[in-house]
Structure formats: structure tokens, C-alpha cells
C-alpha atoms as a PDB file:
ATOM      1  CA  UNK A   1     -10.776  -6.947   3.085  1.00  0.00           C
ATOM      2  CA  UNK A   2      -7.511  -5.214   3.805  1.00  0.00           C
ATOM      3  CA  UNK A   3      -6.883  -1.998   5.638  1.00  0.00           C
ATOM      4  CA  UNK A   4      -4.864   0.742   3.945  1.00  0.00           C
ATOM      5  CA  UNK A   5      -1.568  -0.037   5.652  1.00  0.00           C
ATOM      6  CA  UNK A   6      -1.746  -3.754   4.815  1.00  0.00           C
ATOM      7  CA  UNK A   7      -2.642  -2.948   1.207  1.00  0.00           C
ATOM      8  CA  UNK A   8       0.357  -0.595   0.954  1.00  0.00           C
ATOM      9  CA  UNK A   9       2.712  -3.229   2.357  1.00  0.00           C
ATOM     10  CA  UNK A  10       1.309  -5.811  -0.076  1.00  0.00           C
ATOM     11  CA  UNK A  11       1.832  -3.390  -2.984  1.00  0.00           C
ATOM     12  CA  UNK A  12       5.425  -2.799  -1.914  1.00  0.00           C
ATOM     13  CA  UNK A  13       6.096  -6.542  -1.685  1.00  0.00           C
ATOM     14  CA  UNK A  14       4.488  -7.207  -5.084  1.00  0.00           C
ATOM     15  CA  UNK A  15       6.474  -4.393  -6.702  1.00  0.00           C
ATOM     16  CA  UNK A  16       9.778  -5.557  -5.260  1.00  0.00           C
ATOM     17  CA  UNK A  17       9.291  -9.274  -5.927  1.00  0.00           C
ATOM     18  CA  UNK A  18       8.543 -10.174  -9.502  1.00  0.00           C
ATOM     19  CA  UNK A  19       6.719 -13.234 -10.754  1.00  0.00           C
ATOM     20  CA  UNK A  20       5.815 -14.634  -7.366  1.00  0.00           C
ATOM     21  CA  UNK A  21       9.348 -15.787  -6.582  1.00  0.00           C
ATOM     22  CA  UNK A  22      10.755 -15.689  -3.065  1.00  0.00           C
ATOM     23  CA  UNK A  23      12.777 -12.649  -2.092  1.00  0.00           C
ATOM     24  CA  UNK A  24      14.457 -11.530   1.099  1.00  0.00           C
ATOM     25  CA  UNK A  25      13.058  -8.385   2.729  1.00  0.00           C
ATOM     26  CA  UNK A  26      14.133  -6.523   5.820  1.00  0.00           C
ATOM     27  CA  UNK A  27      11.464  -4.779   7.825  1.00  0.00           C
ATOM     28  CA  UNK A  28      13.474  -1.535   7.770  1.00  0.00           C
ATOM     29  CA  UNK A  29      13.365  -1.563   3.945  1.00  0.00           C
ATOM     30  CA  UNK A  30       9.605  -2.050   3.948  1.00  0.00           C
ATOM     31  CA  UNK A  31       9.173   0.713   6.527  1.00  0.00           C
ATOM     32  CA  UNK A  32      11.292   3.125   4.478  1.00  0.00           C
ATOM     33  CA  UNK A  33       9.158   2.496   1.372  1.00  0.00           C
ATOM     34  CA  UNK A  34       5.896   3.286   3.197  1.00  0.00           C
ATOM     35  CA  UNK A  35       4.515   6.842   3.021  1.00  0.00           C
ATOM     36  CA  UNK A  36       5.391   8.889   6.111  1.00  0.00           C
ATOM     37  CA  UNK A  37       1.910   8.956   7.621  1.00  0.00           C
ATOM     38  CA  UNK A  38       1.597   5.156   7.322  1.00  0.00           C
ATOM     39  CA  UNK A  39       4.983   4.231   8.775  1.00  0.00           C
ATOM     40  CA  UNK A  40       5.124   1.785  11.620  1.00  0.00           C
ATOM     41  CA  UNK A  41       7.769  -0.123  13.559  1.00  0.00           C
ATOM     42  CA  UNK A  42       9.144  -3.606  12.894  1.00  0.00           C
ATOM     43  CA  UNK A  43       6.557  -5.114  15.240  1.00  0.00           C
ATOM     44  CA  UNK A  44       3.763  -3.577  13.159  1.00  0.00           C
ATOM     45  CA  UNK A  45       5.314  -4.955   9.967  1.00  0.00           C
ATOM     46  CA  UNK A  46       5.491  -8.405  11.550  1.00  0.00           C
ATOM     47  CA  UNK A  47       1.775  -8.238  12.423  1.00  0.00           C
ATOM     48  CA  UNK A  48       0.875  -7.069   8.904  1.00  0.00           C
ATOM     49  CA  UNK A  49       2.930  -9.853   7.294  1.00  0.00           C
ATOM     50  CA  UNK A  50       1.356 -12.450   9.593  1.00  0.00           C
ATOM     51  CA  UNK A  51      -2.095 -11.151   8.676  1.00  0.00           C
ATOM     52  CA  UNK A  52      -1.278 -11.257   4.947  1.00  0.00           C
ATOM     53  CA  UNK A  53       0.007 -14.823   5.294  1.00  0.00           C
ATOM     54  CA  UNK A  54      -3.167 -15.921   7.094  1.00  0.00           C
ATOM     55  CA  UNK A  55      -5.194 -14.396   4.267  1.00  0.00           C
ATOM     56  CA  UNK A  56      -3.164 -16.475   1.743  1.00  0.00           C
ATOM     57  CA  UNK A  57      -1.812 -13.380   0.015  1.00  0.00           C
ATOM     58  CA  UNK A  58       1.844 -14.050   0.773  1.00  0.00           C
ATOM     59  CA  UNK A  59       3.933 -17.069   1.646  1.00  0.00           C
ATOM     60  CA  UNK A  60       6.664 -16.670   4.254  1.00  0.00           C
ATOM     61  CA  UNK A  61       9.414 -19.239   3.854  1.00  0.00           C
ATOM     62  CA  UNK A  62      11.305 -18.109   6.951  1.00  0.00           C
ATOM     63  CA  UNK A  63      11.781 -15.094   9.193  1.00  0.00           C
ATOM     64  CA  UNK A  64      14.774 -14.204  11.326  1.00  0.00           C
ATOM     65  CA  UNK A  65      14.230 -11.240  13.633  1.00  0.00           C
ATOM     66  CA  UNK A  66      13.547  -8.476  11.078  1.00  0.00           C
ATOM     67  CA  UNK A  67      14.497 -10.406   7.917  1.00  0.00           C
ATOM     68  CA  UNK A  68      11.833 -12.232   5.906  1.00  0.00           C
ATOM     69  CA  UNK A  69      11.999 -14.527   2.907  1.00  0.00           C
ATOM     70  CA  UNK A  70       8.608 -14.305   1.267  1.00  0.00           C
ATOM     71  CA  UNK A  71       6.684 -14.413  -1.994  1.00  0.00           C
ATOM     72  CA  UNK A  72       3.441 -12.784  -3.040  1.00  0.00           C
ATOM     73  CA  UNK A  73       0.826 -15.384  -3.989  1.00  0.00           C
ATOM     74  CA  UNK A  74      -1.642 -15.011  -6.897  1.00  0.00           C
ATOM     75  CA  UNK A  75      -4.468 -14.014  -4.541  1.00  0.00           C
ATOM     76  CA  UNK A  76      -2.250 -11.203  -3.256  1.00  0.00           C
ATOM     77  CA  UNK A  77      -1.690  -9.916  -6.786  1.00  0.00           C
ATOM     78  CA  UNK A  78      -5.455 -10.018  -7.401  1.00  0.00           C
ATOM     79  CA  UNK A  79      -6.112  -8.060  -4.225  1.00  0.00           C
ATOM     80  CA  UNK A  80      -3.886  -5.134  -5.153  1.00  0.00           C
ATOM     81  CA  UNK A  81      -5.309  -4.644  -8.627  1.00  0.00           C
ATOM     82  CA  UNK A  82      -7.115  -1.334  -8.764  1.00  0.00           C
ATOM     83  CA  UNK A  83     -10.839  -1.447  -9.449  1.00  0.00           C
ATOM     84  CA  UNK A  84     -12.043   0.418 -12.526  1.00  0.00           C
ATOM     85  CA  UNK A  85     -12.803   3.969 -11.502  1.00  0.00           C
ATOM     86  CA  UNK A  86     -15.613   5.905 -13.134  1.00  0.00           C
ATOM     87  CA  UNK A  87     -14.605   9.458 -13.990  1.00  0.00           C
ATOM     88  CA  UNK A  88     -16.769  12.468 -13.230  1.00  0.00           C
ATOM     89  CA  UNK A  89     -17.541  13.007 -16.909  1.00  0.00           C
ATOM     90  CA  UNK A  90     -18.753   9.423 -17.319  1.00  0.00           C
ATOM     91  CA  UNK A  91     -20.856   9.771 -14.189  1.00  0.00           C
ATOM     92  CA  UNK A  92     -22.414  13.025 -15.445  1.00  0.00           C
ATOM     93  CA  UNK A  93     -23.083  11.427 -18.830  1.00  0.00           C
ATOM     94  CA  UNK A  94     -24.810   8.494 -17.125  1.00  0.00           C
ATOM     95  CA  UNK A  95     -26.865  10.853 -14.939  1.00  0.00           C
ATOM     96  CA  UNK A  96     -27.933  12.928 -17.965  1.00  0.00           C
ATOM     97  CA  UNK A  97     -28.924   9.792 -19.858  1.00  0.00           C
ATOM     98  CA  UNK A  98     -30.977   8.590 -16.896  1.00  0.00           C
ATOM     99  CA  UNK A  99     -32.765  11.935 -16.632  1.00  0.00           C
ATOM    100  CA  UNK A 100     -33.471  12.036 -20.376  1.00  0.00           C
ATOM    101  CA  UNK A 101     -34.840   8.478 -20.434  1.00  0.00           C
ATOM    102  CA  UNK A 102     -36.994   9.159 -17.367  1.00  0.00           C
ATOM    103  CA  UNK A 103     -38.460  12.239 -19.042  1.00  0.00           C
ATOM    104  CA  UNK A 104     -39.171  10.399 -22.297  1.00  0.00           C
ATOM    105  CA  UNK A 105     -40.878   7.469 -20.570  1.00  0.00           C
ATOM    106  CA  UNK A 106     -42.952   9.826 -18.409  1.00  0.00           C
ATOM    107  CA  UNK A 107     -44.017  11.748 -21.532  1.00  0.00           C
ATOM    108  CA  UNK A 108     -44.889   8.511 -23.337  1.00  0.00           C
ATOM    109  CA  UNK A 109     -46.902   7.311 -20.327  1.00  0.00           C
ATOM    110  CA  UNK A 110     -48.804  10.579 -20.207  1.00  0.00           C
ATOM    111  CA  UNK A 111     -49.674  10.397 -23.907  1.00  0.00           C
ATOM    112  CA  UNK A 112     -50.837   6.772 -23.656  1.00  0.00           C
ATOM    113  CA  UNK A 113     -52.902   7.628 -20.566  1.00  0.00           C
ATOM    114  CA  UNK A 114     -54.574  10.550 -22.346  1.00  0.00           C
ATOM    115  CA  UNK A 115     -55.424   8.408 -25.404  1.00  0.00           C
ATOM    116  CA  UNK A 116     -56.867   5.599 -23.269  1.00  0.00           C
ATOM    117  CA  UNK A 117     -58.943   8.119 -21.272  1.00  0.00           C
ATOM    118  CA  UNK A 118     -60.236   9.768 -24.474  1.00  0.00           C
ATOM    119  CA  UNK A 119     -61.404   6.431 -25.938  1.00  0.00           C
ATOM    120  CA  UNK A 120     -62.863   5.370 -22.581  1.00  0.00           C
ATOM    121  CA  UNK A 121     -64.923   8.574 -22.347  1.00  0.00           C
ATOM    122  CA  UNK A 122     -66.021   8.267 -26.021  1.00  0.00           C
ATOM    123  CA  UNK A 123     -67.544   4.869 -25.323  1.00  0.00           C
ATOM    124  CA  UNK A 124     -69.789   6.183 -22.556  1.00  0.00           C
END
């Protein structure tokens, strides 16, 4: 599980490096590509990159001060894929279908119960 800032950094790295090949990044470039309310300093970027490497999402070939040579691994690409989002209309349609089916099964149960009770009372 990644926090929002780590996920954003991973998305930036995946967008900038294509095909999982190694590319040189400077922490200032990564910081400038982050949204303003998620910006951090070079120390924060170093911690995020270390965390991503420990999670086997990126591979760091070398790092010099604020310069990194790294590649995004396949697990990193899998992690940033967006899950399928259900729209409000689909959710409403599903809710309506559930309500309709519940009503129909309750009605059917009531009818079957009335028929069974009628025959039970006829026997006695």
C-alpha cells in the first residue's frame, strides 16, 4: 500500500521513463512535477525513492547527492494502474435492480406462503 505522495512520485517516474529502462532523474525535477500541496524537499524524495525500492517498485542503479539513475519495475507499473471506477449511474442502476429483485422475491414468497397455508388449513 502506498501513500498519496509515493504514488504520485511513482507515476511521475513511470511517465518519464518508458519501457522500464534506466533514466537519470534529479530530485529538483521530480519536486517540480509534483502538485503544489504535495511538494517536499530533496530529503523527502530520497525517503520516498528508498521506500519504493524496498517495495520492489523501482530499481536504483546509483544515486549521487540529488541525482538518481533508476528504472520503474513491472510491479511499480502494476501499482499505478487505476482501478475500475463505478460511475454513479451504474451504481444507481445496480441499486434499483437490487430493490426490484428484493420486491419480486418477497412477493413470490408471500404468494407461496399463502398457498401453503390455504392447503394446510383445507386438510384440517
